[in-house]
Amino acid sequence: MADKGDIGWRLMAGAAAFAGGWAAKKAIGVAWKKSTGKEPPVNPESPDVALSEAIGWVVVVGIGVEVARLLATRAAARQWAKGTGELPSQLMADAAP
């Protein structure tokens, strides 16, 4: 069973990743509209969306959201280490997957 520190870290990391991903998707949507002059596709899977636009949107959002989640989780890990004196066990450099 997970200890309280492990549960606390999972909650903190999950919240940070969610917030980072949400903010990134919003920012990417604004940038998309500004650069293309069109709203981002709501449903890229739809045949009504041009294939090039759908692929472009999926690539930009996929990379952007994952980078934002990574940065948010790393920032949360730094704060966790400041508060507890050590990184969460899942993030130790020598931890097995």
PDB file of N, CA and C in Angstrom:
ATOM      1  N   MET A   1       0.837  -1.181   0.000  1.00  0.00           N
ATOM      2  CA  MET A   1       0.000   0.000   0.000  1.00  0.00           C
ATOM      3  C   MET A   1       0.876   1.236   0.000  1.00  0.00           C
ATOM      4  N   ALA A   2       0.469   2.257  -0.715  1.00  0.00           N
ATOM      5  CA  ALA A   2       1.248   3.487  -0.826  1.00  0.00           C
ATOM      6  C   ALA A   2       1.194   4.255   0.498  1.00  0.00           C
ATOM      7  N   ASP A   3       2.342   4.865   0.850  1.00  0.00           N
ATOM      8  CA  ASP A   3       2.339   5.674   2.066  1.00  0.00           C
ATOM      9  C   ASP A   3       1.780   7.063   1.768  1.00  0.00           C
ATOM     10  N   LYS A   4       1.607   7.885   2.831  1.00  0.00           N
ATOM     11  CA  LYS A   4       0.996   9.200   2.650  1.00  0.00           C
ATOM     12  C   LYS A   4       1.845  10.102   1.767  1.00  0.00           C
ATOM     13  N   GLY A   5       3.171   9.992   1.857  1.00  0.00           N
ATOM     14  CA  GLY A   5       4.043  10.788   1.009  1.00  0.00           C
ATOM     15  C   GLY A   5       3.855  10.450  -0.452  1.00  0.00           C
ATOM     16  N   ASP A   6       3.723   9.162  -0.731  1.00  0.00           N
ATOM     17  CA  ASP A   6       3.523   8.709  -2.105  1.00  0.00           C
ATOM     18  C   ASP A   6       2.188   9.215  -2.642  1.00  0.00           C
ATOM     19  N   ILE A   7       1.152   9.134  -1.846  1.00  0.00           N
ATOM     20  CA  ILE A   7      -0.167   9.611  -2.265  1.00  0.00           C
ATOM     21  C   ILE A   7      -0.138  11.124  -2.447  1.00  0.00           C
ATOM     22  N   GLY A   8       0.504  11.820  -1.525  1.00  0.00           N
ATOM     23  CA  GLY A   8       0.622  13.273  -1.636  1.00  0.00           C
ATOM     24  C   GLY A   8       1.344  13.682  -2.908  1.00  0.00           C
ATOM     25  N   TRP A   9       2.452  12.985  -3.211  1.00  0.00           N
ATOM     26  CA  TRP A   9       3.186  13.301  -4.428  1.00  0.00           C
ATOM     27  C   TRP A   9       2.335  13.015  -5.662  1.00  0.00           C
ATOM     28  N   ARG A  10       1.634  11.901  -5.674  1.00  0.00           N
ATOM     29  CA  ARG A  10       0.809  11.566  -6.840  1.00  0.00           C
ATOM     30  C   ARG A  10      -0.269  12.630  -7.065  1.00  0.00           C
ATOM     31  N   LEU A  11      -0.879  13.096  -5.994  1.00  0.00           N
ATOM     32  CA  LEU A  11      -1.890  14.147  -6.120  1.00  0.00           C
ATOM     33  C   LEU A  11      -1.264  15.448  -6.625  1.00  0.00           C
ATOM     34  N   MET A  12      -0.124  15.818  -6.055  1.00  0.00           N
ATOM     35  CA  MET A  12       0.543  17.054  -6.460  1.00  0.00           C
ATOM     36  C   MET A  12       0.998  16.974  -7.920  1.00  0.00           C
ATOM     37  N   ALA A  13       1.607  15.878  -8.293  1.00  0.00           N
ATOM     38  CA  ALA A  13       2.096  15.718  -9.660  1.00  0.00           C
ATOM     39  C   ALA A  13       0.933  15.671 -10.647  1.00  0.00           C
ATOM     40  N   GLY A  14      -0.128  14.991 -10.287  1.00  0.00           N
ATOM     41  CA  GLY A  14      -1.298  14.922 -11.160  1.00  0.00           C
ATOM     42  C   GLY A  14      -1.933  16.283 -11.374  1.00  0.00           C
ATOM     43  N   ALA A  15      -2.061  17.044 -10.292  1.00  0.00           N
ATOM     44  CA  ALA A  15      -2.635  18.387 -10.405  1.00  0.00           C
ATOM     45  C   ALA A  15      -1.743  19.297 -11.248  1.00  0.00           C
ATOM     46  N   ALA A  16      -0.436  19.205 -11.044  1.00  0.00           N
ATOM     47  CA  ALA A  16       0.495  20.026 -11.818  1.00  0.00           C
ATOM     48  C   ALA A  16       0.445  19.656 -13.299  1.00  0.00           C
ATOM     49  N   ALA A  17       0.426  18.372 -13.591  1.00  0.00           N
ATOM     50  CA  ALA A  17       0.379  17.916 -14.987  1.00  0.00           C
ATOM     51  C   ALA A  17      -0.932  18.342 -15.648  1.00  0.00           C
ATOM     52  N   PHE A  18      -2.036  18.208 -14.940  1.00  0.00           N
ATOM     53  CA  PHE A  18      -3.330  18.616 -15.484  1.00  0.00           C
ATOM     54  C   PHE A  18      -3.341  20.113 -15.771  1.00  0.00           C
ATOM     55  N   ALA A  19      -2.907  20.906 -14.799  1.00  0.00           N
ATOM     56  CA  ALA A  19      -2.908  22.361 -14.973  1.00  0.00           C
ATOM     57  C   ALA A  19      -1.973  22.781 -16.106  1.00  0.00           C
ATOM     58  N   GLY A  20      -0.801  22.171 -16.168  1.00  0.00           N
ATOM     59  CA  GLY A  20       0.140  22.500 -17.238  1.00  0.00           C
ATOM     60  C   GLY A  20      -0.411  22.145 -18.607  1.00  0.00           C
ATOM     61  N   GLY A  21      -1.015  20.985 -18.731  1.00  0.00           N
ATOM     62  CA  GLY A  21      -1.600  20.557 -19.998  1.00  0.00           C
ATOM     63  C   GLY A  21      -2.767  21.429 -20.412  1.00  0.00           C
ATOM     64  N   TRP A  22      -3.621  21.775 -19.460  1.00  0.00           N
ATOM     65  CA  TRP A  22      -4.775  22.623 -19.749  1.00  0.00           C
ATOM     66  C   TRP A  22      -4.329  24.004 -20.212  1.00  0.00           C
ATOM     67  N   ALA A  23      -3.377  24.598 -19.484  1.00  0.00           N
ATOM     68  CA  ALA A  23      -2.886  25.928 -19.850  1.00  0.00           C
ATOM     69  C   ALA A  23      -2.200  25.905 -21.217  1.00  0.00           C
ATOM     70  N   ALA A  24      -1.448  24.854 -21.477  1.00  0.00           N
ATOM     71  CA  ALA A  24      -0.757  24.752 -22.764  1.00  0.00           C
ATOM     72  C   ALA A  24      -1.764  24.643 -23.907  1.00  0.00           C
ATOM     73  N   LYS A  25      -2.801  23.848 -23.734  1.00  0.00           N
ATOM     74  CA  LYS A  25      -3.792  23.688 -24.802  1.00  0.00           C
ATOM     75  C   LYS A  25      -4.493  25.010 -25.073  1.00  0.00           C
ATOM     76  N   LYS A  26      -4.810  25.759 -24.024  1.00  0.00           N
ATOM     77  CA  LYS A  26      -5.437  27.073 -24.208  1.00  0.00           C
ATOM     78  C   LYS A  26      -4.493  28.017 -24.940  1.00  0.00           C
ATOM     79  N   ALA A  27      -3.229  28.061 -24.524  1.00  0.00           N
ATOM     80  CA  ALA A  27      -2.252  28.950 -25.157  1.00  0.00           C
ATOM     81  C   ALA A  27      -2.007  28.553 -26.613  1.00  0.00           C
ATOM     82  N   ILE A  28      -1.950  27.265 -26.881  1.00  0.00           N
ATOM     83  CA  ILE A  28      -1.741  26.785 -28.251  1.00  0.00           C
ATOM     84  C   ILE A  28      -2.945  27.157 -29.117  1.00  0.00           C
ATOM     85  N   GLY A  29      -4.143  27.069 -28.558  1.00  0.00           N
ATOM     86  CA  GLY A  29      -5.347  27.465 -29.295  1.00  0.00           C
ATOM     87  C   GLY A  29      -5.313  28.934 -29.686  1.00  0.00           C
ATOM     88  N   VAL A  30      -4.882  29.792 -28.768  1.00  0.00           N
ATOM     89  CA  VAL A  30      -4.770  31.227 -29.058  1.00  0.00           C
ATOM     90  C   VAL A  30      -3.710  31.464 -30.129  1.00  0.00           C
ATOM     91  N   ALA A  31      -2.571  30.814 -29.996  1.00  0.00           N
ATOM     92  CA  ALA A  31      -1.498  30.970 -30.977  1.00  0.00           C
ATOM     93  C   ALA A  31      -1.933  30.448 -32.352  1.00  0.00           C
ATOM     94  N   TRP A  32      -2.670  29.343 -32.361  1.00  0.00           N
ATOM     95  CA  TRP A  32      -3.164  28.770 -33.619  1.00  0.00           C
ATOM     96  C   TRP A  32      -4.071  29.775 -34.333  1.00  0.00           C
ATOM     97  N   LYS A  33      -5.002  30.347 -33.563  1.00  0.00           N
ATOM     98  CA  LYS A  33      -5.938  31.306 -34.147  1.00  0.00           C
ATOM     99  C   LYS A  33      -5.200  32.529 -34.675  1.00  0.00           C
ATOM    100  N   LYS A  34      -4.219  32.991 -33.920  1.00  0.00           N
ATOM    101  CA  LYS A  34      -3.468  34.181 -34.333  1.00  0.00           C
ATOM    102  C   LYS A  34      -2.625  33.894 -35.582  1.00  0.00           C
ATOM    103  N   SER A  35      -2.037  32.719 -35.666  1.00  0.00           N
ATOM    104  CA  SER A  35      -1.148  32.418 -36.799  1.00  0.00           C
ATOM    105  C   SER A  35      -1.899  31.970 -38.053  1.00  0.00           C
ATOM    106  N   THR A  36      -3.057  31.290 -37.876  1.00  0.00           N
ATOM    107  CA  THR A  36      -3.782  30.791 -39.049  1.00  0.00           C
ATOM    108  C   THR A  36      -4.990  31.656 -39.403  1.00  0.00           C
ATOM    109  N   GLY A  37      -5.450  32.438 -38.432  1.00  0.00           N
ATOM    110  CA  GLY A  37      -6.656  33.226 -38.653  1.00  0.00           C
ATOM    111  C   GLY A  37      -7.938  32.415 -38.510  1.00  0.00           C
ATOM    112  N   LYS A  38      -7.819  31.128 -38.124  1.00  0.00           N
ATOM    113  CA  LYS A  38      -8.982  30.254 -37.954  1.00  0.00           C
ATOM    114  C   LYS A  38      -8.978  29.657 -36.552  1.00  0.00           C
ATOM    115  N   GLU A  39     -10.171  29.294 -36.122  1.00  0.00           N
ATOM    116  CA  GLU A  39     -10.280  28.575 -34.849  1.00  0.00           C
ATOM    117  C   GLU A  39      -9.612  27.213 -34.996  1.00  0.00           C
ATOM    118  N   PRO A  40      -9.021  26.695 -33.914  1.00  0.00           N
ATOM    119  CA  PRO A  40      -8.458  25.347 -33.996  1.00  0.00           C
ATOM    120  C   PRO A  40      -9.574  24.330 -34.232  1.00  0.00           C
ATOM    121  N   PRO A  41      -9.252  23.229 -34.899  1.00  0.00           N
ATOM    122  CA  PRO A  41     -10.293  22.226 -35.138  1.00  0.00           C
ATOM    123  C   PRO A  41     -10.797  21.623 -33.829  1.00  0.00           C
ATOM    124  N   VAL A  42     -12.106  21.584 -33.695  1.00  0.00           N
ATOM    125  CA  VAL A  42     -12.723  21.001 -32.503  1.00  0.00           C
ATOM    126  C   VAL A  42     -12.602  19.481 -32.552  1.00  0.00           C
ATOM    127  N   ASN A  43     -12.785  18.927 -33.742  1.00  0.00           N
ATOM    128  CA  ASN A  43     -12.724  17.480 -33.921  1.00  0.00           C
ATOM    129  C   ASN A  43     -11.831  17.168 -35.129  1.00  0.00           C
ATOM    130  N   PRO A  44     -10.502  17.036 -34.902  1.00  0.00           N
ATOM    131  CA  PRO A  44      -9.604  16.779 -36.029  1.00  0.00           C
ATOM    132  C   PRO A  44      -9.897  15.482 -36.780  1.00  0.00           C
ATOM    133  N   GLU A  45     -10.633  14.559 -36.175  1.00  0.00           N
ATOM    134  CA  GLU A  45     -10.957  13.293 -36.829  1.00  0.00           C
ATOM    135  C   GLU A  45     -12.019  13.456 -37.912  1.00  0.00           C
ATOM    136  N   SER A  46     -12.735  14.574 -37.893  1.00  0.00           N
ATOM    137  CA  SER A  46     -13.818  14.787 -38.844  1.00  0.00           C
ATOM    138  C   SER A  46     -13.287  14.931 -40.271  1.00  0.00           C
ATOM    139  N   PRO A  47     -13.951  14.293 -41.245  1.00  0.00           N
ATOM    140  CA  PRO A  47     -13.554  14.442 -42.643  1.00  0.00           C
ATOM    141  C   PRO A  47     -13.744  15.868 -43.160  1.00  0.00           C
ATOM    142  N   ASP A  48     -14.520  16.688 -42.430  1.00  0.00           N
ATOM    143  CA  ASP A  48     -14.729  18.077 -42.837  1.00  0.00           C
ATOM    144  C   ASP A  48     -13.500  18.951 -42.558  1.00  0.00           C
ATOM    145  N   VAL A  49     -12.570  18.472 -41.738  1.00  0.00           N
ATOM    146  CA  VAL A  49     -11.338  19.205 -41.434  1.00  0.00           C
ATOM    147  C   VAL A  49     -10.272  18.731 -42.419  1.00  0.00           C
ATOM    148  N   ALA A  50      -9.573  19.697 -43.038  1.00  0.00           N
ATOM    149  CA  ALA A  50      -8.513  19.333 -43.979  1.00  0.00           C
ATOM    150  C   ALA A  50      -7.468  18.472 -43.272  1.00  0.00           C
ATOM    151  N   LEU A  51      -6.984  17.456 -43.975  1.00  0.00           N
ATOM    152  CA  LEU A  51      -6.020  16.534 -43.375  1.00  0.00           C
ATOM    153  C   LEU A  51      -4.780  17.263 -42.887  1.00  0.00           C
ATOM    154  N   SER A  52      -4.268  18.203 -43.666  1.00  0.00           N
ATOM    155  CA  SER A  52      -3.066  18.937 -43.255  1.00  0.00           C
ATOM    156  C   SER A  52      -3.319  19.739 -41.985  1.00  0.00           C
ATOM    157  N   GLU A  53      -4.509  20.337 -41.875  1.00  0.00           N
ATOM    158  CA  GLU A  53      -4.854  21.097 -40.677  1.00  0.00           C
ATOM    159  C   GLU A  53      -4.994  20.176 -39.471  1.00  0.00           C
ATOM    160  N   ALA A  54      -5.636  19.035 -39.668  1.00  0.00           N
ATOM    161  CA  ALA A  54      -5.830  18.077 -38.575  1.00  0.00           C
ATOM    162  C   ALA A  54      -4.489  17.556 -38.070  1.00  0.00           C
ATOM    163  N   ILE A  55      -3.614  17.179 -38.989  1.00  0.00           N
ATOM    164  CA  ILE A  55      -2.302  16.663 -38.582  1.00  0.00           C
ATOM    165  C   ILE A  55      -1.486  17.762 -37.898  1.00  0.00           C
ATOM    166  N   GLY A  56      -1.505  18.951 -38.468  1.00  0.00           N
ATOM    167  CA  GLY A  56      -0.776  20.065 -37.848  1.00  0.00           C
ATOM    168  C   GLY A  56      -1.243  20.335 -36.436  1.00  0.00           C
ATOM    169  N   TRP A  57      -2.562  20.368 -36.240  1.00  0.00           N
ATOM    170  CA  TRP A  57      -3.120  20.628 -34.917  1.00  0.00           C
ATOM    171  C   TRP A  57      -2.724  19.536 -33.920  1.00  0.00           C
ATOM    172  N   VAL A  58      -2.852  18.289 -34.329  1.00  0.00           N
ATOM    173  CA  VAL A  58      -2.544  17.169 -33.433  1.00  0.00           C
ATOM    174  C   VAL A  58      -1.061  17.174 -33.050  1.00  0.00           C
ATOM    175  N   VAL A  59      -0.198  17.431 -34.003  1.00  0.00           N
ATOM    176  CA  VAL A  59       1.243  17.457 -33.712  1.00  0.00           C
ATOM    177  C   VAL A  59       1.579  18.599 -32.757  1.00  0.00           C
ATOM    178  N   VAL A  60       1.087  19.788 -33.058  1.00  0.00           N
ATOM    179  CA  VAL A  60       1.393  20.956 -32.219  1.00  0.00           C
ATOM    180  C   VAL A  60       0.846  20.770 -30.811  1.00  0.00           C
ATOM    181  N   VAL A  61      -0.392  20.326 -30.703  1.00  0.00           N
ATOM    182  CA  VAL A  61      -0.998  20.138 -29.375  1.00  0.00           C
ATOM    183  C   VAL A  61      -0.311  19.002 -28.626  1.00  0.00           C
ATOM    184  N   GLY A  62      -0.051  17.903 -29.309  1.00  0.00           N
ATOM    185  CA  GLY A  62       0.592  16.765 -28.646  1.00  0.00           C
ATOM    186  C   GLY A  62       1.943  17.125 -28.052  1.00  0.00           C
ATOM    187  N   ILE A  63       2.773  17.752 -28.853  1.00  0.00           N
ATOM    188  CA  ILE A  63       4.098  18.137 -28.367  1.00  0.00           C
ATOM    189  C   ILE A  63       3.983  19.220 -27.296  1.00  0.00           C
ATOM    190  N   GLY A  64       3.167  20.229 -27.561  1.00  0.00           N
ATOM    191  CA  GLY A  64       3.035  21.336 -26.610  1.00  0.00           C
ATOM    192  C   GLY A  64       2.516  20.910 -25.251  1.00  0.00           C
ATOM    193  N   VAL A  65       1.486  20.082 -25.245  1.00  0.00           N
ATOM    194  CA  VAL A  65       0.896  19.639 -23.980  1.00  0.00           C
ATOM    195  C   VAL A  65       1.878  18.751 -23.217  1.00  0.00           C
ATOM    196  N   GLU A  66       2.545  17.852 -23.903  1.00  0.00           N
ATOM    197  CA  GLU A  66       3.486  16.965 -23.204  1.00  0.00           C
ATOM    198  C   GLU A  66       4.679  17.735 -22.640  1.00  0.00           C
ATOM    199  N   VAL A  67       5.177  18.713 -23.369  1.00  0.00           N
ATOM    200  CA  VAL A  67       6.280  19.540 -22.852  1.00  0.00           C
ATOM    201  C   VAL A  67       5.806  20.317 -21.631  1.00  0.00           C
ATOM    202  N   ALA A  68       4.609  20.891 -21.698  1.00  0.00           N
ATOM    203  CA  ALA A  68       4.070  21.640 -20.558  1.00  0.00           C
ATOM    204  C   ALA A  68       3.873  20.733 -19.348  1.00  0.00           C
ATOM    205  N   ARG A  69       3.373  19.518 -19.564  1.00  0.00           N
ATOM    206  CA  ARG A  69       3.191  18.575 -18.460  1.00  0.00           C
ATOM    207  C   ARG A  69       4.535  18.194 -17.834  1.00  0.00           C
ATOM    208  N   LEU A  70       5.529  17.968 -18.679  1.00  0.00           N
ATOM    209  CA  LEU A  70       6.865  17.647 -18.180  1.00  0.00           C
ATOM    210  C   LEU A  70       7.411  18.778 -17.323  1.00  0.00           C
ATOM    211  N   LEU A  71       7.327  20.002 -17.833  1.00  0.00           N
ATOM    212  CA  LEU A  71       7.848  21.143 -17.082  1.00  0.00           C
ATOM    213  C   LEU A  71       7.085  21.365 -15.782  1.00  0.00           C
ATOM    214  N   ALA A  72       5.768  21.200 -15.822  1.00  0.00           N
ATOM    215  CA  ALA A  72       4.964  21.378 -14.611  1.00  0.00           C
ATOM    216  C   ALA A  72       5.293  20.312 -13.571  1.00  0.00           C
ATOM    217  N   THR A  73       5.470  19.078 -14.002  1.00  0.00           N
ATOM    218  CA  THR A  73       5.803  18.001 -13.068  1.00  0.00           C
ATOM    219  C   THR A  73       7.187  18.199 -12.478  1.00  0.00           C
ATOM    220  N   ARG A  74       8.143  18.651 -13.293  1.00  0.00           N
ATOM    221  CA  ARG A  74       9.483  18.921 -12.775  1.00  0.00           C
ATOM    222  C   ARG A  74       9.463  20.066 -11.761  1.00  0.00           C
ATOM    223  N   ALA A  75       8.660  21.101 -12.038  1.00  0.00           N
ATOM    224  CA  ALA A  75       8.538  22.213 -11.088  1.00  0.00           C
ATOM    225  C   ALA A  75       7.906  21.721  -9.782  1.00  0.00           C
ATOM    226  N   ALA A  76       6.894  20.860  -9.896  1.00  0.00           N
ATOM    227  CA  ALA A  76       6.273  20.296  -8.696  1.00  0.00           C
ATOM    228  C   ALA A  76       7.278  19.457  -7.914  1.00  0.00           C
ATOM    229  N   ALA A  77       8.131  18.722  -8.612  1.00  0.00           N
ATOM    230  CA  ALA A  77       9.144  17.900  -7.940  1.00  0.00           C
ATOM    231  C   ALA A  77      10.140  18.776  -7.189  1.00  0.00           C
ATOM    232  N   ARG A  78      10.511  19.910  -7.788  1.00  0.00           N
ATOM    233  CA  ARG A  78      11.415  20.829  -7.082  1.00  0.00           C
ATOM    234  C   ARG A  78      10.766  21.346  -5.802  1.00  0.00           C
ATOM    235  N   GLN A  79       9.484  21.717  -5.887  1.00  0.00           N
ATOM    236  CA  GLN A  79       8.777  22.201  -4.703  1.00  0.00           C
ATOM    237  C   GLN A  79       8.627  21.089  -3.663  1.00  0.00           C
ATOM    238  N   TRP A  80       8.369  19.887  -4.124  1.00  0.00           N
ATOM    239  CA  TRP A  80       8.251  18.750  -3.213  1.00  0.00           C
ATOM    240  C   TRP A  80       9.566  18.539  -2.470  1.00  0.00           C
ATOM    241  N   ALA A  81      10.672  18.602  -3.209  1.00  0.00           N
ATOM    242  CA  ALA A  81      11.989  18.400  -2.604  1.00  0.00           C
ATOM    243  C   ALA A  81      12.302  19.513  -1.604  1.00  0.00           C
ATOM    244  N   LYS A  82      11.886  20.736  -1.905  1.00  0.00           N
ATOM    245  CA  LYS A  82      12.097  21.837  -0.947  1.00  0.00           C
ATOM    246  C   LYS A  82      11.338  21.585   0.347  1.00  0.00           C
ATOM    247  N   GLY A  83      10.123  21.073   0.209  1.00  0.00           N
ATOM    248  CA  GLY A  83       9.278  20.849   1.378  1.00  0.00           C
ATOM    249  C   GLY A  83       9.634  19.615   2.182  1.00  0.00           C
ATOM    250  N   THR A  84      10.102  18.578   1.517  1.00  0.00           N
ATOM    251  CA  THR A  84      10.359  17.313   2.212  1.00  0.00           C
ATOM    252  C   THR A  84      11.840  17.006   2.378  1.00  0.00           C
ATOM    253  N   GLY A  85      12.684  17.699   1.626  1.00  0.00           N
ATOM    254  CA  GLY A  85      14.113  17.440   1.711  1.00  0.00           C
ATOM    255  C   GLY A  85      14.610  16.377   0.744  1.00  0.00           C
ATOM    256  N   GLU A  86      13.704  15.768  -0.011  1.00  0.00           N
ATOM    257  CA  GLU A  86      14.127  14.758  -0.991  1.00  0.00           C
ATOM    258  C   GLU A  86      13.101  14.653  -2.112  1.00  0.00           C
ATOM    259  N   LEU A  87      13.566  14.160  -3.228  1.00  0.00           N
ATOM    260  CA  LEU A  87      12.672  13.927  -4.357  1.00  0.00           C
ATOM    261  C   LEU A  87      11.759  12.748  -4.057  1.00  0.00           C
ATOM    262  N   PRO A  88      10.595  12.704  -4.697  1.00  0.00           N
ATOM    263  CA  PRO A  88       9.745  11.511  -4.561  1.00  0.00           C
ATOM    264  C   PRO A  88      10.497  10.293  -5.070  1.00  0.00           C
ATOM    265  N   SER A  89      10.229   9.149  -4.483  1.00  0.00           N
ATOM    266  CA  SER A  89      10.967   7.944  -4.847  1.00  0.00           C
ATOM    267  C   SER A  89      10.826   7.599  -6.326  1.00  0.00           C
ATOM    268  N   GLN A  90       9.681   7.929  -6.932  1.00  0.00           N
ATOM    269  CA  GLN A  90       9.487   7.625  -8.353  1.00  0.00           C
ATOM    270  C   GLN A  90      10.414   8.443  -9.249  1.00  0.00           C
ATOM    271  N   LEU A  91      10.945   9.545  -8.752  1.00  0.00           N
ATOM    272  CA  LEU A  91      11.751  10.432  -9.580  1.00  0.00           C
ATOM    273  C   LEU A  91      13.245  10.328  -9.305  1.00  0.00           C
ATOM    274  N   MET A  92      13.632   9.448  -8.428  1.00  0.00           N
ATOM    275  CA  MET A  92      15.050   9.271  -8.187  1.00  0.00           C
ATOM    276  C   MET A  92      15.711   8.805  -9.481  1.00  0.00           C
ATOM    277  N   ALA A  93      16.883   9.347  -9.798  1.00  0.00           N
ATOM    278  CA  ALA A  93      17.568   9.053 -11.055  1.00  0.00           C
ATOM    279  C   ALA A  93      17.852   7.567 -11.226  1.00  0.00           C
ATOM    280  N   ASP A  94      18.101   6.882 -10.139  1.00  0.00           N
ATOM    281  CA  ASP A  94      18.426   5.471 -10.231  1.00  0.00           C
ATOM    282  C   ASP A  94      17.238   4.547  -9.946  1.00  0.00           C
ATOM    283  N   ALA A  95      16.024   5.120  -9.888  1.00  0.00           N
ATOM    284  CA  ALA A  95      14.836   4.305  -9.608  1.00  0.00           C
ATOM    285  C   ALA A  95      14.500   3.440 -10.816  1.00  0.00           C
ATOM    286  N   ALA A  96      14.146   2.221 -10.553  1.00  0.00           N
ATOM    287  CA  ALA A  96      13.743   1.312 -11.629  1.00  0.00           C
ATOM    288  C   ALA A  96      12.319   1.659 -12.054  1.00  0.00           C
ATOM    289  N   PRO A  97      12.009   1.510 -13.343  1.00  0.00           N
ATOM    290  CA  PRO A  97      10.647   1.836 -13.813  1.00  0.00           C
ATOM    291  C   PRO A  97       9.602   0.909 -13.265  1.00  0.00           C
TER     292      PRO A  97
END
